[in-house]
Amino acid sequence: MLHGLVPGRDFGLALWREDDRGLIRIEVSDTHPARPVRLTPAPDEDRGRGLVLVGALAVRWGVRARVGPGKTVWAECLAAADA
């Protein structure tokens, strides 16, 4: 996993498996006040696809305020069935 990190700024990662809903929930929090923007990078760019990937893989996702400065971006993905 790669998260854009600005030196000197805090970030957090939380993961949950919700067996009753069959979901994996991922939350990434940071102290930057701006909401994330979905980009359309050129094929030769090596950055800027984070929300494109989230949108393709998640059944739902969003952004919410967090305690303290910044925001939390969360996504819910279907959990693989146990083999």
N, C-alpha and C. Protein backbone atom coordinates (compact mmCIF):
# COMPACT_ATOMS: atom_id res chain seq x y z
N MET A 1 0.83 -1.17 0.00
CA MET A 1 0.00 0.00 0.00
C MET A 1 0.88 1.24 0.00
N LEU A 2 0.50 2.21 -0.77
CA LEU A 2 1.22 3.48 -0.81
C LEU A 2 0.22 4.58 -0.55
N HIS A 3 0.56 5.46 0.34
CA HIS A 3 -0.27 6.62 0.64
C HIS A 3 0.62 7.84 0.53
N GLY A 4 0.13 8.85 -0.16
CA GLY A 4 0.90 10.08 -0.29
C GLY A 4 1.20 10.65 1.08
N LEU A 5 2.43 10.83 1.41
CA LEU A 5 2.82 11.29 2.74
C LEU A 5 3.68 12.53 2.60
N VAL A 6 3.25 13.59 3.26
CA VAL A 6 4.02 14.82 3.29
C VAL A 6 4.87 14.77 4.55
N PRO A 7 6.20 14.96 4.45
CA PRO A 7 7.05 14.93 5.64
C PRO A 7 6.52 15.89 6.71
N GLY A 8 6.48 15.40 7.95
CA GLY A 8 6.01 16.21 9.05
C GLY A 8 4.52 16.13 9.30
N ARG A 9 3.78 15.43 8.44
CA ARG A 9 2.34 15.28 8.64
C ARG A 9 2.03 13.86 9.05
N ASP A 10 1.04 13.73 9.90
CA ASP A 10 0.62 12.45 10.44
C ASP A 10 -0.35 11.74 9.48
N PHE A 11 -0.37 10.41 9.50
CA PHE A 11 -1.41 9.66 8.79
C PHE A 11 -1.65 8.36 9.54
N GLY A 12 -2.81 7.77 9.31
CA GLY A 12 -3.16 6.53 9.98
C GLY A 12 -3.84 5.58 9.02
N LEU A 13 -3.73 4.29 9.29
CA LEU A 13 -4.34 3.25 8.48
C LEU A 13 -5.10 2.32 9.41
N ALA A 14 -6.33 1.99 9.06
CA ALA A 14 -7.12 1.03 9.84
C ALA A 14 -7.75 0.03 8.87
N LEU A 15 -7.77 -1.24 9.27
CA LEU A 15 -8.36 -2.31 8.46
C LEU A 15 -9.30 -3.13 9.33
N TRP A 16 -10.46 -3.49 8.80
CA TRP A 16 -11.41 -4.35 9.49
C TRP A 16 -11.96 -5.39 8.52
N ARG A 17 -12.21 -6.55 9.04
CA ARG A 17 -12.95 -7.57 8.28
C ARG A 17 -14.30 -7.71 8.98
N GLU A 18 -15.36 -7.46 8.24
CA GLU A 18 -16.71 -7.56 8.77
C GLU A 18 -17.35 -8.82 8.21
N ASP A 19 -17.18 -9.93 8.92
CA ASP A 19 -17.65 -11.22 8.43
C ASP A 19 -19.15 -11.24 8.21
N ASP A 20 -19.92 -10.60 9.09
CA ASP A 20 -21.37 -10.63 8.94
C ASP A 20 -21.84 -9.91 7.67
N ARG A 21 -21.07 -8.96 7.18
CA ARG A 21 -21.41 -8.23 5.95
C ARG A 21 -20.58 -8.70 4.76
N GLY A 22 -19.58 -9.56 5.01
CA GLY A 22 -18.72 -10.05 3.93
C GLY A 22 -17.84 -8.97 3.32
N LEU A 23 -17.36 -8.05 4.17
CA LEU A 23 -16.60 -6.90 3.68
C LEU A 23 -15.27 -6.74 4.38
N ILE A 24 -14.35 -6.13 3.67
CA ILE A 24 -13.12 -5.59 4.24
C ILE A 24 -13.26 -4.07 4.19
N ARG A 25 -13.04 -3.41 5.30
CA ARG A 25 -13.11 -1.95 5.34
C ARG A 25 -11.71 -1.40 5.57
N ILE A 26 -11.35 -0.44 4.75
CA ILE A 26 -10.03 0.20 4.78
C ILE A 26 -10.26 1.68 5.04
N GLU A 27 -9.52 2.24 5.99
CA GLU A 27 -9.59 3.68 6.25
C GLU A 27 -8.19 4.26 6.29
N VAL A 28 -7.99 5.34 5.57
CA VAL A 28 -6.72 6.07 5.58
C VAL A 28 -7.03 7.50 6.00
N SER A 29 -6.40 7.93 7.08
CA SER A 29 -6.61 9.28 7.61
C SER A 29 -5.32 10.09 7.49
N ASP A 30 -5.47 11.38 7.22
CA ASP A 30 -4.31 12.26 7.23
C ASP A 30 -4.72 13.64 7.71
N THR A 31 -3.75 14.48 7.95
CA THR A 31 -4.01 15.81 8.51
C THR A 31 -4.18 16.89 7.46
N HIS A 32 -4.06 16.55 6.19
CA HIS A 32 -4.25 17.57 5.14
C HIS A 32 -5.72 17.93 5.06
N PRO A 33 -6.05 19.22 5.01
CA PRO A 33 -7.46 19.62 5.04
C PRO A 33 -8.22 19.39 3.72
N ALA A 34 -7.53 19.29 2.60
CA ALA A 34 -8.22 19.17 1.31
C ALA A 34 -8.80 17.78 1.11
N ARG A 35 -9.98 17.74 0.49
CA ARG A 35 -10.58 16.46 0.14
C ARG A 35 -9.84 15.92 -1.09
N PRO A 36 -9.75 14.61 -1.22
CA PRO A 36 -9.05 14.04 -2.37
C PRO A 36 -9.81 14.31 -3.67
N VAL A 37 -9.06 14.38 -4.75
CA VAL A 37 -9.63 14.64 -6.07
C VAL A 37 -9.29 13.46 -6.97
N ARG A 38 -10.30 12.94 -7.66
CA ARG A 38 -10.07 11.85 -8.60
C ARG A 38 -9.45 12.42 -9.87
N LEU A 39 -8.28 11.92 -10.22
CA LEU A 39 -7.54 12.41 -11.38
C LEU A 39 -7.69 11.46 -12.57
N THR A 40 -7.31 11.93 -13.72
CA THR A 40 -7.21 11.09 -14.91
C THR A 40 -5.78 11.23 -15.44
N PRO A 41 -4.85 10.45 -14.87
CA PRO A 41 -3.45 10.60 -15.27
C PRO A 41 -3.19 10.05 -16.67
N ALA A 42 -2.17 10.59 -17.31
CA ALA A 42 -1.74 10.08 -18.61
C ALA A 42 -1.17 8.67 -18.41
N PRO A 43 -1.19 7.84 -19.45
CA PRO A 43 -0.69 6.46 -19.32
C PRO A 43 0.75 6.35 -18.83
N ASP A 44 1.59 7.36 -19.11
CA ASP A 44 2.99 7.27 -18.70
C ASP A 44 3.25 7.88 -17.32
N GLU A 45 2.23 8.41 -16.66
CA GLU A 45 2.41 8.95 -15.31
C GLU A 45 2.40 7.81 -14.30
N ASP A 46 3.26 7.92 -13.28
CA ASP A 46 3.34 6.84 -12.29
C ASP A 46 2.63 7.19 -10.98
N ARG A 47 1.80 8.22 -10.97
CA ARG A 47 1.06 8.63 -9.78
C ARG A 47 -0.34 9.07 -10.19
N GLY A 48 -1.20 9.25 -9.18
CA GLY A 48 -2.50 9.85 -9.45
C GLY A 48 -3.63 8.88 -9.73
N ARG A 49 -3.43 7.59 -9.45
CA ARG A 49 -4.46 6.60 -9.73
C ARG A 49 -5.16 6.06 -8.48
N GLY A 50 -4.85 6.62 -7.33
CA GLY A 50 -5.40 6.10 -6.08
C GLY A 50 -6.91 5.99 -6.06
N LEU A 51 -7.61 7.09 -6.33
CA LEU A 51 -9.06 7.05 -6.29
C LEU A 51 -9.65 6.31 -7.48
N VAL A 52 -8.93 6.23 -8.59
CA VAL A 52 -9.39 5.41 -9.72
C VAL A 52 -9.42 3.95 -9.29
N LEU A 53 -8.38 3.51 -8.60
CA LEU A 53 -8.32 2.12 -8.11
C LEU A 53 -9.37 1.88 -7.03
N VAL A 54 -9.53 2.82 -6.12
CA VAL A 54 -10.54 2.67 -5.07
C VAL A 54 -11.92 2.53 -5.71
N GLY A 55 -12.22 3.37 -6.67
CA GLY A 55 -13.52 3.31 -7.34
C GLY A 55 -13.75 2.00 -8.08
N ALA A 56 -12.70 1.43 -8.62
CA ALA A 56 -12.82 0.17 -9.37
C ALA A 56 -12.96 -1.03 -8.45
N LEU A 57 -12.35 -1.00 -7.27
CA LEU A 57 -12.32 -2.17 -6.39
C LEU A 57 -13.35 -2.14 -5.28
N ALA A 58 -13.80 -0.98 -4.87
CA ALA A 58 -14.69 -0.87 -3.72
C ALA A 58 -16.15 -1.00 -4.13
N VAL A 59 -16.95 -1.58 -3.23
CA VAL A 59 -18.39 -1.59 -3.45
C VAL A 59 -18.99 -0.25 -3.05
N ARG A 60 -18.33 0.43 -2.13
CA ARG A 60 -18.67 1.82 -1.81
C ARG A 60 -17.50 2.46 -1.08
N TRP A 61 -17.41 3.78 -1.18
CA TRP A 61 -16.33 4.49 -0.51
C TRP A 61 -16.76 5.93 -0.29
N GLY A 62 -16.02 6.64 0.55
CA GLY A 62 -16.35 8.03 0.81
C GLY A 62 -15.26 8.72 1.61
N VAL A 63 -15.56 9.94 1.98
CA VAL A 63 -14.63 10.78 2.75
C VAL A 63 -15.42 11.36 3.91
N ARG A 64 -14.80 11.37 5.10
CA ARG A 64 -15.45 11.98 6.26
C ARG A 64 -14.42 12.77 7.05
N ALA A 65 -14.92 13.71 7.84
CA ALA A 65 -14.05 14.47 8.73
C ALA A 65 -13.53 13.53 9.81
N ARG A 66 -12.41 13.88 10.42
CA ARG A 66 -11.88 13.07 11.51
C ARG A 66 -11.70 13.96 12.73
N VAL A 67 -11.50 13.35 13.88
CA VAL A 67 -11.21 14.11 15.09
C VAL A 67 -9.84 14.74 14.90
N GLY A 68 -9.75 16.04 15.06
CA GLY A 68 -8.50 16.74 14.78
C GLY A 68 -8.51 17.21 13.33
N PRO A 69 -7.40 17.71 12.87
CA PRO A 69 -7.37 18.21 11.49
C PRO A 69 -7.39 17.07 10.48
N GLY A 70 -7.87 17.38 9.29
CA GLY A 70 -7.78 16.42 8.19
C GLY A 70 -9.07 15.68 7.90
N LYS A 71 -8.91 14.54 7.24
CA LYS A 71 -10.05 13.73 6.81
C LYS A 71 -9.67 12.26 6.80
N THR A 72 -10.69 11.42 6.64
CA THR A 72 -10.51 9.98 6.50
C THR A 72 -11.18 9.55 5.21
N VAL A 73 -10.44 8.86 4.37
CA VAL A 73 -11.00 8.24 3.17
C VAL A 73 -11.21 6.78 3.51
N TRP A 74 -12.42 6.26 3.28
CA TRP A 74 -12.72 4.88 3.60
C TRP A 74 -13.25 4.16 2.37
N ALA A 75 -13.07 2.87 2.36
CA ALA A 75 -13.57 2.04 1.25
C ALA A 75 -13.96 0.68 1.80
N GLU A 76 -15.00 0.10 1.23
CA GLU A 76 -15.43 -1.24 1.58
C GLU A 76 -15.33 -2.12 0.34
N CYS A 77 -14.64 -3.24 0.48
CA CYS A 77 -14.44 -4.20 -0.62
C CYS A 77 -14.99 -5.54 -0.19
N LEU A 78 -15.46 -6.32 -1.16
CA LEU A 78 -15.96 -7.66 -0.84
C LEU A 78 -14.82 -8.54 -0.36
N ALA A 79 -15.06 -9.25 0.73
CA ALA A 79 -14.07 -10.19 1.25
C ALA A 79 -14.16 -11.49 0.47
N ALA A 80 -13.02 -12.10 0.22
CA ALA A 80 -13.00 -13.39 -0.47
C ALA A 80 -13.63 -14.44 0.44
N ALA A 81 -14.39 -15.33 -0.14
CA ALA A 81 -14.98 -16.42 0.64
C ALA A 81 -13.88 -17.33 1.15
N ASP A 82 -14.03 -17.82 2.36
CA ASP A 82 -13.03 -18.75 2.92
C ASP A 82 -13.02 -20.03 2.11
N ALA A 83 -11.82 -20.54 1.86
CA ALA A 83 -11.69 -21.77 1.07
C ALA A 83 -11.84 -22.98 1.94
